[in-house]
Amino acid sequence: MHYESLKRGVQEASKIRVREIQEDYPWVHRVLQPLKGMAVPCGFEEIKDRWDEGGGVRCLIEEAAQGTVKLPPRHVEEGEEGIRRDLEALQVIQRMRDGRVNIPDVFRVGYGLGRKGGVKPTQ
């Protein structure tokens, strides 16, 4: 198989998986979209900084407390750490041994995150 074929396959699979996760867990899109352009693996602090910049996660937490979010994260009452736990449970993010956070290619590519030497994100 040619490298370009594999790359396109990963990109297409990622688009499909992103659509599926958005249907099942709409809140995941709200927390991953602000990370677009970042490179993983990275520290969770970097992710929280991005979340703070956009304010979307803060709004998600507030809306979940008010009961206006359909299928909110299970641990949303714990704030950003609870959302991290829920993303790990869904295997959207993975904590590495050194404490950094990684996002599997099947989500990373579709949400526009980079990785040194990895398949480039979809546009």
N, C-alpha and C. Protein backbone atom coordinates (compact mmCIF):
# COMPACT_ATOMS: atom_id res chain seq x y z
N MET A 1 0.83 -1.17 0.00
CA MET A 1 0.00 0.00 0.00
C MET A 1 0.88 1.25 0.00
N HIS A 2 0.40 2.22 -0.66
CA HIS A 2 1.12 3.49 -0.74
C HIS A 2 0.80 4.34 0.48
N TYR A 3 1.77 5.10 0.95
CA TYR A 3 1.60 5.95 2.13
C TYR A 3 0.41 6.90 1.98
N GLU A 4 0.24 7.49 0.80
CA GLU A 4 -0.86 8.43 0.59
C GLU A 4 -2.22 7.75 0.75
N SER A 5 -2.31 6.50 0.32
CA SER A 5 -3.56 5.75 0.48
C SER A 5 -3.86 5.52 1.95
N LEU A 6 -2.84 5.17 2.71
CA LEU A 6 -3.03 4.98 4.15
C LEU A 6 -3.45 6.29 4.82
N LYS A 7 -2.79 7.36 4.43
CA LYS A 7 -3.10 8.67 5.01
C LYS A 7 -4.55 9.05 4.73
N ARG A 8 -4.99 8.89 3.49
CA ARG A 8 -6.38 9.22 3.15
C ARG A 8 -7.36 8.31 3.90
N GLY A 9 -6.97 7.05 4.08
CA GLY A 9 -7.83 6.13 4.83
C GLY A 9 -7.99 6.56 6.28
N VAL A 10 -6.90 6.99 6.91
CA VAL A 10 -6.96 7.47 8.29
C VAL A 10 -7.81 8.72 8.36
N GLN A 11 -7.65 9.63 7.40
CA GLN A 11 -8.44 10.86 7.41
C GLN A 11 -9.92 10.57 7.26
N GLU A 12 -10.27 9.67 6.37
CA GLU A 12 -11.69 9.33 6.16
C GLU A 12 -12.27 8.62 7.39
N ALA A 13 -11.51 7.69 7.95
CA ALA A 13 -11.96 6.99 9.16
C ALA A 13 -12.17 7.98 10.31
N SER A 14 -11.29 8.96 10.39
CA SER A 14 -11.41 9.96 11.45
C SER A 14 -12.67 10.80 11.26
N LYS A 15 -12.97 11.20 10.04
CA LYS A 15 -14.20 11.97 9.78
C LYS A 15 -15.43 11.18 10.23
N ILE A 16 -15.43 9.89 9.91
CA ILE A 16 -16.56 9.05 10.28
C ILE A 16 -16.68 8.93 11.79
N ARG A 17 -15.57 8.69 12.47
CA ARG A 17 -15.59 8.51 13.92
C ARG A 17 -15.97 9.80 14.64
N VAL A 18 -15.51 10.92 14.13
CA VAL A 18 -15.88 12.22 14.72
C VAL A 18 -17.38 12.42 14.60
N ARG A 19 -17.94 12.10 13.44
CA ARG A 19 -19.41 12.21 13.27
C ARG A 19 -20.14 11.32 14.26
N GLU A 20 -19.65 10.09 14.43
CA GLU A 20 -20.29 9.16 15.35
C GLU A 20 -20.25 9.65 16.79
N ILE A 21 -19.09 10.15 17.22
CA ILE A 21 -18.97 10.61 18.61
C ILE A 21 -19.83 11.85 18.84
N GLN A 22 -19.99 12.69 17.81
CA GLN A 22 -20.84 13.88 17.93
C GLN A 22 -22.30 13.48 18.09
N GLU A 23 -22.70 12.41 17.43
CA GLU A 23 -24.09 11.95 17.55
C GLU A 23 -24.35 11.37 18.94
N ASP A 24 -23.40 10.58 19.44
CA ASP A 24 -23.59 9.90 20.72
C ASP A 24 -23.32 10.80 21.93
N TYR A 25 -22.33 11.66 21.80
CA TYR A 25 -21.91 12.54 22.90
C TYR A 25 -21.67 13.94 22.35
N PRO A 26 -22.72 14.73 22.16
CA PRO A 26 -22.58 16.05 21.54
C PRO A 26 -21.60 16.97 22.26
N TRP A 27 -21.43 16.81 23.55
CA TRP A 27 -20.54 17.67 24.32
C TRP A 27 -19.07 17.48 23.94
N VAL A 28 -18.71 16.32 23.40
CA VAL A 28 -17.30 16.06 23.05
C VAL A 28 -16.84 17.07 22.00
N HIS A 29 -17.68 17.38 21.04
CA HIS A 29 -17.32 18.36 20.01
C HIS A 29 -17.03 19.71 20.64
N ARG A 30 -17.81 20.09 21.62
CA ARG A 30 -17.63 21.39 22.28
C ARG A 30 -16.29 21.49 23.01
N VAL A 31 -15.78 20.37 23.50
CA VAL A 31 -14.52 20.44 24.25
C VAL A 31 -13.30 20.16 23.38
N LEU A 32 -13.49 19.49 22.23
CA LEU A 32 -12.35 19.22 21.36
C LEU A 32 -12.15 20.29 20.29
N GLN A 33 -13.21 20.93 19.87
CA GLN A 33 -13.10 21.95 18.83
C GLN A 33 -12.13 23.08 19.19
N PRO A 34 -12.10 23.57 20.43
CA PRO A 34 -11.15 24.63 20.77
C PRO A 34 -9.68 24.20 20.71
N LEU A 35 -9.43 22.91 20.62
CA LEU A 35 -8.06 22.41 20.60
C LEU A 35 -7.46 22.39 19.20
N LYS A 36 -8.26 22.74 18.20
CA LYS A 36 -7.81 22.70 16.81
C LYS A 36 -6.49 23.47 16.66
N GLY A 37 -5.54 22.84 15.98
CA GLY A 37 -4.24 23.46 15.74
C GLY A 37 -3.18 23.09 16.76
N MET A 38 -3.58 22.53 17.89
CA MET A 38 -2.61 22.10 18.90
C MET A 38 -1.88 20.85 18.40
N ALA A 39 -0.76 20.58 19.02
CA ALA A 39 -0.03 19.34 18.75
C ALA A 39 -0.08 18.48 20.01
N VAL A 40 -0.32 17.21 19.81
CA VAL A 40 -0.31 16.25 20.91
C VAL A 40 0.83 15.26 20.67
N PRO A 41 1.34 14.62 21.70
CA PRO A 41 0.95 14.75 23.10
C PRO A 41 1.35 16.10 23.69
N CYS A 42 0.59 16.48 24.71
CA CYS A 42 0.84 17.75 25.40
C CYS A 42 0.37 17.61 26.84
N GLY A 43 0.71 18.58 27.65
CA GLY A 43 0.26 18.59 29.03
C GLY A 43 -1.21 18.96 29.12
N PHE A 44 -1.90 18.45 30.12
CA PHE A 44 -3.31 18.77 30.29
C PHE A 44 -3.50 20.26 30.58
N GLU A 45 -2.50 20.89 31.16
CA GLU A 45 -2.57 22.33 31.42
C GLU A 45 -2.74 23.11 30.12
N GLU A 46 -2.07 22.67 29.06
CA GLU A 46 -2.21 23.32 27.75
C GLU A 46 -3.64 23.20 27.24
N ILE A 47 -4.23 22.06 27.45
CA ILE A 47 -5.62 21.84 27.03
C ILE A 47 -6.54 22.75 27.84
N LYS A 48 -6.34 22.80 29.15
CA LYS A 48 -7.18 23.67 29.99
C LYS A 48 -7.01 25.14 29.60
N ASP A 49 -5.80 25.53 29.22
CA ASP A 49 -5.59 26.91 28.77
C ASP A 49 -6.42 27.21 27.53
N ARG A 50 -6.45 26.28 26.59
CA ARG A 50 -7.28 26.46 25.38
C ARG A 50 -8.75 26.53 25.75
N TRP A 51 -9.16 25.68 26.66
CA TRP A 51 -10.56 25.70 27.09
C TRP A 51 -10.90 27.04 27.73
N ASP A 52 -9.99 27.58 28.52
CA ASP A 52 -10.23 28.88 29.17
C ASP A 52 -10.33 30.00 28.16
N GLU A 53 -9.50 29.96 27.12
CA GLU A 53 -9.49 31.01 26.09
C GLU A 53 -10.85 31.14 25.42
N GLY A 54 -11.42 30.02 25.02
CA GLY A 54 -12.69 30.05 24.29
C GLY A 54 -13.91 30.21 25.18
N GLY A 55 -13.82 29.74 26.41
CA GLY A 55 -14.94 29.84 27.33
C GLY A 55 -16.03 28.82 27.12
N GLY A 56 -15.90 27.99 26.09
CA GLY A 56 -16.94 27.01 25.78
C GLY A 56 -17.11 25.94 26.84
N VAL A 57 -16.01 25.53 27.46
CA VAL A 57 -16.10 24.51 28.49
C VAL A 57 -16.76 25.07 29.74
N ARG A 58 -16.44 26.31 30.06
CA ARG A 58 -17.08 26.97 31.19
C ARG A 58 -18.59 27.04 30.96
N CYS A 59 -18.99 27.39 29.74
CA CYS A 59 -20.41 27.44 29.40
C CYS A 59 -21.05 26.06 29.49
N LEU A 60 -20.32 25.03 29.03
CA LEU A 60 -20.82 23.67 29.10
C LEU A 60 -21.09 23.27 30.55
N ILE A 61 -20.15 23.59 31.42
CA ILE A 61 -20.29 23.27 32.85
C ILE A 61 -21.50 23.98 33.43
N GLU A 62 -21.66 25.26 33.11
CA GLU A 62 -22.79 26.04 33.62
C GLU A 62 -24.12 25.52 33.07
N GLU A 63 -24.16 25.21 31.78
CA GLU A 63 -25.39 24.71 31.16
C GLU A 63 -25.76 23.34 31.73
N ALA A 64 -24.75 22.50 31.98
CA ALA A 64 -25.03 21.18 32.56
C ALA A 64 -25.61 21.34 33.97
N ALA A 65 -25.10 22.29 34.72
CA ALA A 65 -25.62 22.54 36.07
C ALA A 65 -27.07 23.01 36.02
N GLN A 66 -27.43 23.73 34.96
CA GLN A 66 -28.80 24.22 34.79
C GLN A 66 -29.72 23.17 34.17
N GLY A 67 -29.11 22.09 33.68
CA GLY A 67 -29.90 21.02 33.08
C GLY A 67 -30.30 21.27 31.64
N THR A 68 -29.58 22.16 30.95
CA THR A 68 -29.95 22.48 29.57
C THR A 68 -29.09 21.77 28.52
N VAL A 69 -28.18 20.89 28.95
CA VAL A 69 -27.31 20.17 28.02
C VAL A 69 -27.83 18.75 27.85
N LYS A 70 -28.01 18.35 26.60
CA LYS A 70 -28.45 16.99 26.30
C LYS A 70 -27.25 16.06 26.47
N LEU A 71 -27.41 15.02 27.27
CA LEU A 71 -26.36 14.04 27.54
C LEU A 71 -25.03 14.70 27.95
N PRO A 72 -25.01 15.39 29.08
CA PRO A 72 -23.78 16.06 29.52
C PRO A 72 -22.72 15.04 29.96
N PRO A 73 -21.47 15.48 30.11
CA PRO A 73 -20.45 14.58 30.65
C PRO A 73 -20.88 14.07 32.03
N ARG A 74 -20.56 12.84 32.32
CA ARG A 74 -20.99 12.24 33.59
C ARG A 74 -20.40 12.94 34.81
N HIS A 75 -19.17 13.42 34.69
CA HIS A 75 -18.48 14.02 35.84
C HIS A 75 -18.31 15.54 35.67
N VAL A 76 -19.25 16.16 34.99
CA VAL A 76 -19.15 17.59 34.70
C VAL A 76 -19.11 18.43 35.97
N GLU A 77 -19.73 17.94 37.05
CA GLU A 77 -19.72 18.70 38.30
C GLU A 77 -18.31 18.84 38.88
N GLU A 78 -17.36 18.03 38.40
CA GLU A 78 -15.96 18.12 38.84
C GLU A 78 -15.17 19.10 37.97
N GLY A 79 -15.84 19.76 37.04
CA GLY A 79 -15.18 20.75 36.19
C GLY A 79 -14.29 20.11 35.14
N GLU A 80 -13.19 20.78 34.84
CA GLU A 80 -12.30 20.33 33.76
C GLU A 80 -11.71 18.96 34.03
N GLU A 81 -11.41 18.66 35.28
CA GLU A 81 -10.86 17.34 35.63
C GLU A 81 -11.91 16.25 35.40
N GLY A 82 -13.16 16.55 35.68
CA GLY A 82 -14.23 15.59 35.44
C GLY A 82 -14.42 15.35 33.95
N ILE A 83 -14.33 16.42 33.15
CA ILE A 83 -14.45 16.27 31.70
C ILE A 83 -13.29 15.45 31.17
N ARG A 84 -12.08 15.67 31.71
CA ARG A 84 -10.92 14.86 31.32
C ARG A 84 -11.18 13.39 31.60
N ARG A 85 -11.71 13.10 32.79
CA ARG A 85 -12.01 11.70 33.15
C ARG A 85 -13.01 11.09 32.17
N ASP A 86 -14.03 11.87 31.80
CA ASP A 86 -15.03 11.35 30.87
C ASP A 86 -14.44 11.12 29.48
N LEU A 87 -13.58 12.03 29.03
CA LEU A 87 -12.91 11.83 27.73
C LEU A 87 -12.01 10.60 27.76
N GLU A 88 -11.35 10.36 28.88
CA GLU A 88 -10.53 9.16 29.02
C GLU A 88 -11.40 7.91 29.00
N ALA A 89 -12.54 7.95 29.67
CA ALA A 89 -13.44 6.80 29.70
C ALA A 89 -13.95 6.45 28.29
N LEU A 90 -14.15 7.49 27.47
CA LEU A 90 -14.59 7.29 26.09
C LEU A 90 -13.42 6.95 25.16
N GLN A 91 -12.22 6.98 25.70
CA GLN A 91 -10.98 6.74 24.96
C GLN A 91 -10.73 7.77 23.87
N VAL A 92 -11.25 8.97 24.10
CA VAL A 92 -11.00 10.09 23.19
C VAL A 92 -9.63 10.68 23.50
N ILE A 93 -9.27 10.68 24.78
CA ILE A 93 -7.92 11.08 25.15
C ILE A 93 -7.30 9.96 25.99
N GLN A 94 -5.99 9.94 25.97
CA GLN A 94 -5.26 8.93 26.74
C GLN A 94 -4.16 9.64 27.53
N ARG A 95 -4.03 9.26 28.77
CA ARG A 95 -2.95 9.82 29.59
C ARG A 95 -1.74 8.91 29.43
N MET A 96 -0.61 9.53 29.10
CA MET A 96 0.61 8.78 28.90
C MET A 96 1.33 8.59 30.24
N ARG A 97 2.31 7.72 30.25
CA ARG A 97 3.04 7.44 31.50
C ARG A 97 3.71 8.67 32.07
N ASP A 98 4.14 9.57 31.21
CA ASP A 98 4.81 10.79 31.69
C ASP A 98 3.82 11.89 32.09
N GLY A 99 2.51 11.58 32.05
CA GLY A 99 1.49 12.53 32.48
C GLY A 99 0.88 13.36 31.37
N ARG A 100 1.53 13.38 30.19
CA ARG A 100 0.97 14.15 29.09
C ARG A 100 -0.28 13.46 28.55
N VAL A 101 -1.02 14.21 27.75
CA VAL A 101 -2.26 13.71 27.16
C VAL A 101 -2.03 13.48 25.66
N ASN A 102 -2.52 12.35 25.19
CA ASN A 102 -2.46 12.04 23.77
C ASN A 102 -3.89 11.84 23.27
N ILE A 103 -4.10 12.12 22.02
CA ILE A 103 -5.40 11.89 21.39
C ILE A 103 -5.18 10.95 20.22
N PRO A 104 -5.85 9.80 20.21
CA PRO A 104 -5.66 8.83 19.12
C PRO A 104 -5.96 9.46 17.75
N ASP A 105 -5.25 9.00 16.74
CA ASP A 105 -5.39 9.54 15.39
C ASP A 105 -6.84 9.58 14.91
N VAL A 106 -7.63 8.60 15.31
CA VAL A 106 -9.01 8.52 14.82
C VAL A 106 -9.83 9.73 15.27
N PHE A 107 -9.43 10.41 16.33
CA PHE A 107 -10.07 11.65 16.76
C PHE A 107 -9.19 12.86 16.42
N ARG A 108 -7.90 12.72 16.62
CA ARG A 108 -6.95 13.82 16.42
C ARG A 108 -7.05 14.42 15.03
N VAL A 109 -7.04 13.59 14.02
CA VAL A 109 -7.05 14.06 12.63
C VAL A 109 -8.35 14.80 12.33
N GLY A 110 -9.47 14.24 12.72
CA GLY A 110 -10.77 14.85 12.43
C GLY A 110 -11.01 16.16 13.16
N TYR A 111 -10.38 16.33 14.32
CA TYR A 111 -10.55 17.57 15.07
C TYR A 111 -9.44 18.57 14.80
N GLY A 112 -8.57 18.27 13.83
CA GLY A 112 -7.58 19.25 13.39
C GLY A 112 -6.40 19.44 14.31
N LEU A 113 -6.06 18.42 15.07
CA LEU A 113 -4.89 18.51 15.94
C LEU A 113 -3.69 17.90 15.22
N GLY A 114 -2.53 18.41 15.53
CA GLY A 114 -1.31 17.93 14.89
C GLY A 114 -0.56 16.95 15.76
N ARG A 115 0.45 16.35 15.13
CA ARG A 115 1.33 15.42 15.82
C ARG A 115 2.61 15.34 15.01
N LYS A 116 3.71 15.49 15.65
CA LYS A 116 4.98 15.44 14.96
C LYS A 116 5.14 14.08 14.27
N GLY A 117 5.27 14.11 12.95
CA GLY A 117 5.45 12.88 12.19
C GLY A 117 4.18 12.09 11.93
N GLY A 118 3.04 12.59 12.33
CA GLY A 118 1.79 11.86 12.16
C GLY A 118 1.04 12.29 10.91
N VAL A 119 -0.09 11.65 10.68
CA VAL A 119 -0.97 12.00 9.57
C VAL A 119 -1.50 13.41 9.82
N LYS A 120 -1.47 14.23 8.78
CA LYS A 120 -1.93 15.61 8.92
C LYS A 120 -3.43 15.65 9.12
N PRO A 121 -3.90 16.62 9.91
CA PRO A 121 -5.34 16.77 10.14
C PRO A 121 -6.06 17.13 8.85
N THR A 122 -7.35 16.83 8.82
CA THR A 122 -8.18 17.21 7.69
C THR A 122 -8.43 18.70 7.78
N GLN A 123 -8.67 19.31 6.65
CA GLN A 123 -8.86 20.77 6.60
C GLN A 123 -10.26 21.15 6.96
